[in-house]
């Protein structure tokens, strides 16, 4: 299965930084932003707390079997790359 990788960077109002990839097949490209928001929500980050964000196409590749299974089941797969939480003062 050929998939498309969307490189995503998010900065929150509280100073947190998240970097992750959203992987989708051809049919789910229009839903990439919704999938990114669902992932953020699963981490407790609401859309209103995002100060700056970017989700852009990076490249296409052949998916590994685990990624294929996730895309078939839920329409997308997420690869977390970096999460930096701000430290409380």
N, C-alpha and C. Protein backbone atom coordinates (compact mmCIF):
# COMPACT_ATOMS: atom_id res chain seq x y z
N UNK A 1 0.84 -1.18 0.00
CA UNK A 1 0.00 0.00 0.00
C UNK A 1 0.89 1.24 0.00
N UNK A 2 0.61 2.15 -0.92
CA UNK A 2 1.31 3.42 -0.97
C UNK A 2 0.61 4.40 -0.03
N UNK A 3 1.40 5.08 0.80
CA UNK A 3 0.83 6.05 1.74
C UNK A 3 1.51 7.40 1.56
N UNK A 4 0.88 8.41 2.13
CA UNK A 4 1.39 9.77 2.07
C UNK A 4 1.68 10.22 3.50
N UNK A 5 2.85 10.82 3.68
CA UNK A 5 3.31 11.25 5.00
C UNK A 5 3.17 12.76 5.11
N UNK A 6 2.48 13.20 6.17
CA UNK A 6 2.29 14.62 6.44
C UNK A 6 3.05 14.97 7.72
N UNK A 7 4.09 15.78 7.56
CA UNK A 7 4.94 16.22 8.65
C UNK A 7 4.19 17.30 9.43
N UNK A 8 4.03 17.08 10.74
CA UNK A 8 3.19 17.98 11.55
C UNK A 8 3.98 18.51 12.75
N UNK A 9 3.91 19.83 12.93
CA UNK A 9 4.55 20.52 14.05
C UNK A 9 3.50 21.38 14.74
N UNK A 10 3.45 21.29 16.07
CA UNK A 10 2.45 22.04 16.83
C UNK A 10 3.12 22.68 18.05
N UNK A 11 2.84 23.97 18.25
CA UNK A 11 3.25 24.70 19.45
C UNK A 11 1.97 25.10 20.17
N UNK A 12 1.92 24.84 21.47
CA UNK A 12 0.72 25.18 22.24
C UNK A 12 0.91 26.52 22.96
N UNK A 13 -0.20 27.06 23.44
CA UNK A 13 -0.17 28.31 24.20
C UNK A 13 0.71 28.18 25.44
N UNK A 14 0.76 26.97 26.02
CA UNK A 14 1.54 26.76 27.25
C UNK A 14 3.01 26.49 26.98
N UNK A 15 3.42 26.48 25.71
CA UNK A 15 4.83 26.31 25.38
C UNK A 15 5.24 24.89 25.02
N UNK A 16 4.29 23.97 24.94
CA UNK A 16 4.62 22.60 24.54
C UNK A 16 4.89 22.56 23.03
N UNK A 17 5.73 21.62 22.62
CA UNK A 17 6.03 21.41 21.20
C UNK A 17 5.84 19.93 20.88
N UNK A 18 5.11 19.65 19.80
CA UNK A 18 4.90 18.28 19.36
C UNK A 18 5.24 18.18 17.87
N UNK A 19 5.93 17.10 17.52
CA UNK A 19 6.28 16.82 16.13
C UNK A 19 5.87 15.37 15.88
N UNK A 20 5.01 15.17 14.87
CA UNK A 20 4.56 13.83 14.54
C UNK A 20 4.21 13.77 13.07
N UNK A 21 4.14 12.56 12.54
CA UNK A 21 3.74 12.34 11.16
C UNK A 21 2.35 11.72 11.14
N UNK A 22 1.53 12.19 10.20
CA UNK A 22 0.22 11.60 9.93
C UNK A 22 0.36 10.85 8.62
N UNK A 23 0.05 9.56 8.62
CA UNK A 23 0.17 8.72 7.44
C UNK A 23 -1.22 8.31 6.96
N UNK A 24 -1.48 8.53 5.67
CA UNK A 24 -2.80 8.21 5.10
C UNK A 24 -2.65 7.61 3.71
N UNK A 25 -3.71 6.94 3.25
CA UNK A 25 -3.74 6.45 1.87
C UNK A 25 -4.39 7.53 1.00
N UNK A 26 -4.51 7.26 -0.30
CA UNK A 26 -5.07 8.24 -1.23
C UNK A 26 -6.46 8.72 -0.82
N UNK A 27 -7.31 7.82 -0.36
CA UNK A 27 -8.69 8.16 -0.05
C UNK A 27 -8.81 9.09 1.16
N UNK A 28 -7.84 9.06 2.06
CA UNK A 28 -7.96 9.81 3.31
C UNK A 28 -7.14 11.10 3.34
N UNK A 29 -6.53 11.47 2.24
CA UNK A 29 -5.77 12.72 2.19
C UNK A 29 -6.61 13.92 2.62
N UNK A 30 -7.88 14.03 2.21
CA UNK A 30 -8.68 15.20 2.62
C UNK A 30 -8.91 15.30 4.13
N UNK A 31 -8.64 14.23 4.87
CA UNK A 31 -8.95 14.19 6.30
C UNK A 31 -7.72 14.33 7.19
N UNK A 32 -6.58 14.65 6.63
CA UNK A 32 -5.33 14.69 7.40
C UNK A 32 -5.44 15.62 8.60
N UNK A 33 -5.96 16.82 8.41
CA UNK A 33 -6.04 17.78 9.51
C UNK A 33 -6.95 17.25 10.63
N UNK A 34 -8.04 16.63 10.26
CA UNK A 34 -8.95 16.06 11.27
C UNK A 34 -8.24 14.96 12.07
N UNK A 35 -7.45 14.13 11.38
CA UNK A 35 -6.72 13.07 12.07
C UNK A 35 -5.67 13.65 13.01
N UNK A 36 -4.97 14.70 12.57
CA UNK A 36 -3.97 15.35 13.42
C UNK A 36 -4.65 15.92 14.67
N UNK A 37 -5.81 16.56 14.50
CA UNK A 37 -6.54 17.11 15.64
C UNK A 37 -7.03 16.01 16.58
N UNK A 38 -7.47 14.89 16.03
CA UNK A 38 -7.91 13.77 16.87
C UNK A 38 -6.76 13.23 17.71
N UNK A 39 -5.57 13.15 17.10
CA UNK A 39 -4.39 12.69 17.84
C UNK A 39 -4.06 13.67 18.97
N UNK A 40 -4.05 14.95 18.66
CA UNK A 40 -3.77 15.96 19.68
C UNK A 40 -4.80 15.89 20.80
N UNK A 41 -6.05 15.73 20.45
CA UNK A 41 -7.11 15.61 21.44
C UNK A 41 -6.88 14.39 22.34
N UNK A 42 -6.40 13.29 21.76
CA UNK A 42 -6.11 12.09 22.55
C UNK A 42 -5.00 12.33 23.57
N UNK A 43 -4.18 13.36 23.32
CA UNK A 43 -3.11 13.74 24.25
C UNK A 43 -3.56 14.83 25.22
N UNK A 44 -4.83 15.24 25.13
CA UNK A 44 -5.35 16.28 26.00
C UNK A 44 -5.10 17.69 25.49
N UNK A 45 -4.77 17.83 24.22
CA UNK A 45 -4.50 19.14 23.63
C UNK A 45 -5.68 19.51 22.74
N UNK A 46 -6.42 20.52 23.17
CA UNK A 46 -7.58 20.98 22.41
C UNK A 46 -7.15 21.96 21.33
N UNK A 47 -7.93 22.03 20.28
CA UNK A 47 -7.61 22.90 19.14
C UNK A 47 -7.41 24.36 19.58
N UNK A 48 -8.19 24.82 20.54
CA UNK A 48 -8.09 26.19 21.01
C UNK A 48 -6.81 26.52 21.75
N UNK A 49 -6.07 25.49 22.20
CA UNK A 49 -4.83 25.74 22.93
C UNK A 49 -3.60 25.73 22.02
N UNK A 50 -3.83 25.60 20.71
CA UNK A 50 -2.71 25.57 19.76
C UNK A 50 -2.37 27.00 19.36
N UNK A 51 -1.12 27.37 19.58
CA UNK A 51 -0.64 28.71 19.22
C UNK A 51 -0.21 28.74 17.76
N UNK A 52 0.47 27.70 17.33
CA UNK A 52 0.96 27.63 15.96
C UNK A 52 1.03 26.17 15.55
N UNK A 53 0.64 25.88 14.32
CA UNK A 53 0.70 24.51 13.84
C UNK A 53 0.93 24.46 12.35
N UNK A 54 1.53 23.36 11.92
CA UNK A 54 1.78 23.15 10.50
C UNK A 54 1.66 21.66 10.22
N UNK A 55 0.91 21.34 9.19
CA UNK A 55 0.75 19.95 8.76
C UNK A 55 0.85 19.97 7.25
N UNK A 56 1.98 19.51 6.73
CA UNK A 56 2.18 19.59 5.28
C UNK A 56 2.72 18.29 4.72
N UNK A 57 2.37 18.06 3.47
CA UNK A 57 2.82 16.86 2.77
C UNK A 57 4.34 16.83 2.77
N UNK A 58 4.90 15.65 3.06
CA UNK A 58 6.35 15.47 3.08
C UNK A 58 6.78 14.56 1.93
N UNK A 59 6.23 13.34 1.89
CA UNK A 59 6.59 12.39 0.84
C UNK A 59 5.61 11.22 0.84
N UNK A 60 5.76 10.36 -0.15
CA UNK A 60 4.97 9.12 -0.23
C UNK A 60 5.93 7.94 -0.15
N UNK A 61 5.43 6.83 0.37
CA UNK A 61 6.25 5.63 0.51
C UNK A 61 5.35 4.41 0.60
N UNK A 62 5.96 3.25 0.59
CA UNK A 62 5.23 2.00 0.79
C UNK A 62 5.14 1.75 2.30
N UNK A 63 3.94 1.48 2.77
CA UNK A 63 3.69 1.32 4.21
C UNK A 63 4.13 -0.04 4.72
N UNK A 64 4.61 -0.04 5.95
CA UNK A 64 4.92 -1.27 6.68
C UNK A 64 3.59 -1.95 7.02
N UNK A 65 3.58 -3.26 7.25
CA UNK A 65 2.34 -3.99 7.54
C UNK A 65 1.53 -3.42 8.72
N UNK A 66 2.22 -2.98 9.80
CA UNK A 66 1.50 -2.43 10.95
C UNK A 66 0.77 -1.15 10.58
N UNK A 67 1.43 -0.31 9.79
CA UNK A 67 0.83 0.95 9.36
C UNK A 67 -0.35 0.67 8.43
N UNK A 68 -0.18 -0.28 7.53
CA UNK A 68 -1.28 -0.65 6.63
C UNK A 68 -2.50 -1.08 7.43
N UNK A 69 -2.29 -1.89 8.47
CA UNK A 69 -3.40 -2.37 9.29
C UNK A 69 -4.11 -1.21 9.98
N UNK A 70 -3.35 -0.25 10.51
CA UNK A 70 -3.96 0.90 11.17
C UNK A 70 -4.75 1.74 10.18
N UNK A 71 -4.21 1.95 8.99
CA UNK A 71 -4.91 2.75 7.98
C UNK A 71 -6.20 2.05 7.54
N UNK A 72 -6.14 0.76 7.36
CA UNK A 72 -7.35 0.01 6.99
C UNK A 72 -8.40 0.11 8.10
N UNK A 73 -7.95 0.01 9.36
CA UNK A 73 -8.87 0.02 10.49
C UNK A 73 -9.44 1.40 10.80
N UNK A 74 -8.58 2.45 10.83
CA UNK A 74 -9.05 3.76 11.28
C UNK A 74 -8.84 4.89 10.28
N UNK A 75 -8.23 4.61 9.13
CA UNK A 75 -8.07 5.63 8.11
C UNK A 75 -6.74 6.34 8.13
N UNK A 76 -5.98 6.17 9.22
CA UNK A 76 -4.69 6.86 9.36
C UNK A 76 -3.80 6.14 10.37
N UNK A 77 -2.55 6.58 10.40
CA UNK A 77 -1.60 6.12 11.40
C UNK A 77 -0.80 7.33 11.84
N UNK A 78 -0.39 7.36 13.09
CA UNK A 78 0.42 8.45 13.62
C UNK A 78 1.76 7.90 14.06
N UNK A 79 2.81 8.62 13.71
CA UNK A 79 4.15 8.30 14.21
C UNK A 79 4.62 9.48 15.05
N UNK A 80 4.62 9.35 16.40
CA UNK A 80 5.13 10.44 17.24
C UNK A 80 6.65 10.54 17.06
N UNK A 81 7.14 11.74 16.88
CA UNK A 81 8.57 11.94 16.67
C UNK A 81 9.22 12.70 17.82
N UNK A 82 8.54 13.72 18.34
CA UNK A 82 9.12 14.52 19.41
C UNK A 82 8.00 15.21 20.18
N UNK A 83 8.08 15.12 21.51
CA UNK A 83 7.16 15.86 22.36
C UNK A 83 8.00 16.51 23.44
N UNK A 84 7.96 17.84 23.49
CA UNK A 84 8.66 18.61 24.52
C UNK A 84 7.62 19.40 25.30
N UNK A 85 7.43 19.01 26.56
CA UNK A 85 6.49 19.71 27.42
C UNK A 85 7.22 20.83 28.14
N UNK A 86 6.56 21.97 28.25
CA UNK A 86 7.15 23.09 28.97
C UNK A 86 7.16 22.74 30.45
N UNK A 87 8.14 23.23 31.15
CA UNK A 87 8.23 22.99 32.58
C UNK A 87 7.48 24.09 33.33
N UNK A 88 6.73 23.73 34.38
CA UNK A 88 6.03 24.76 35.15
C UNK A 88 7.03 25.68 35.82
N UNK A 89 6.61 26.93 35.98
CA UNK A 89 7.50 27.92 36.65
C UNK A 89 7.60 27.65 38.13
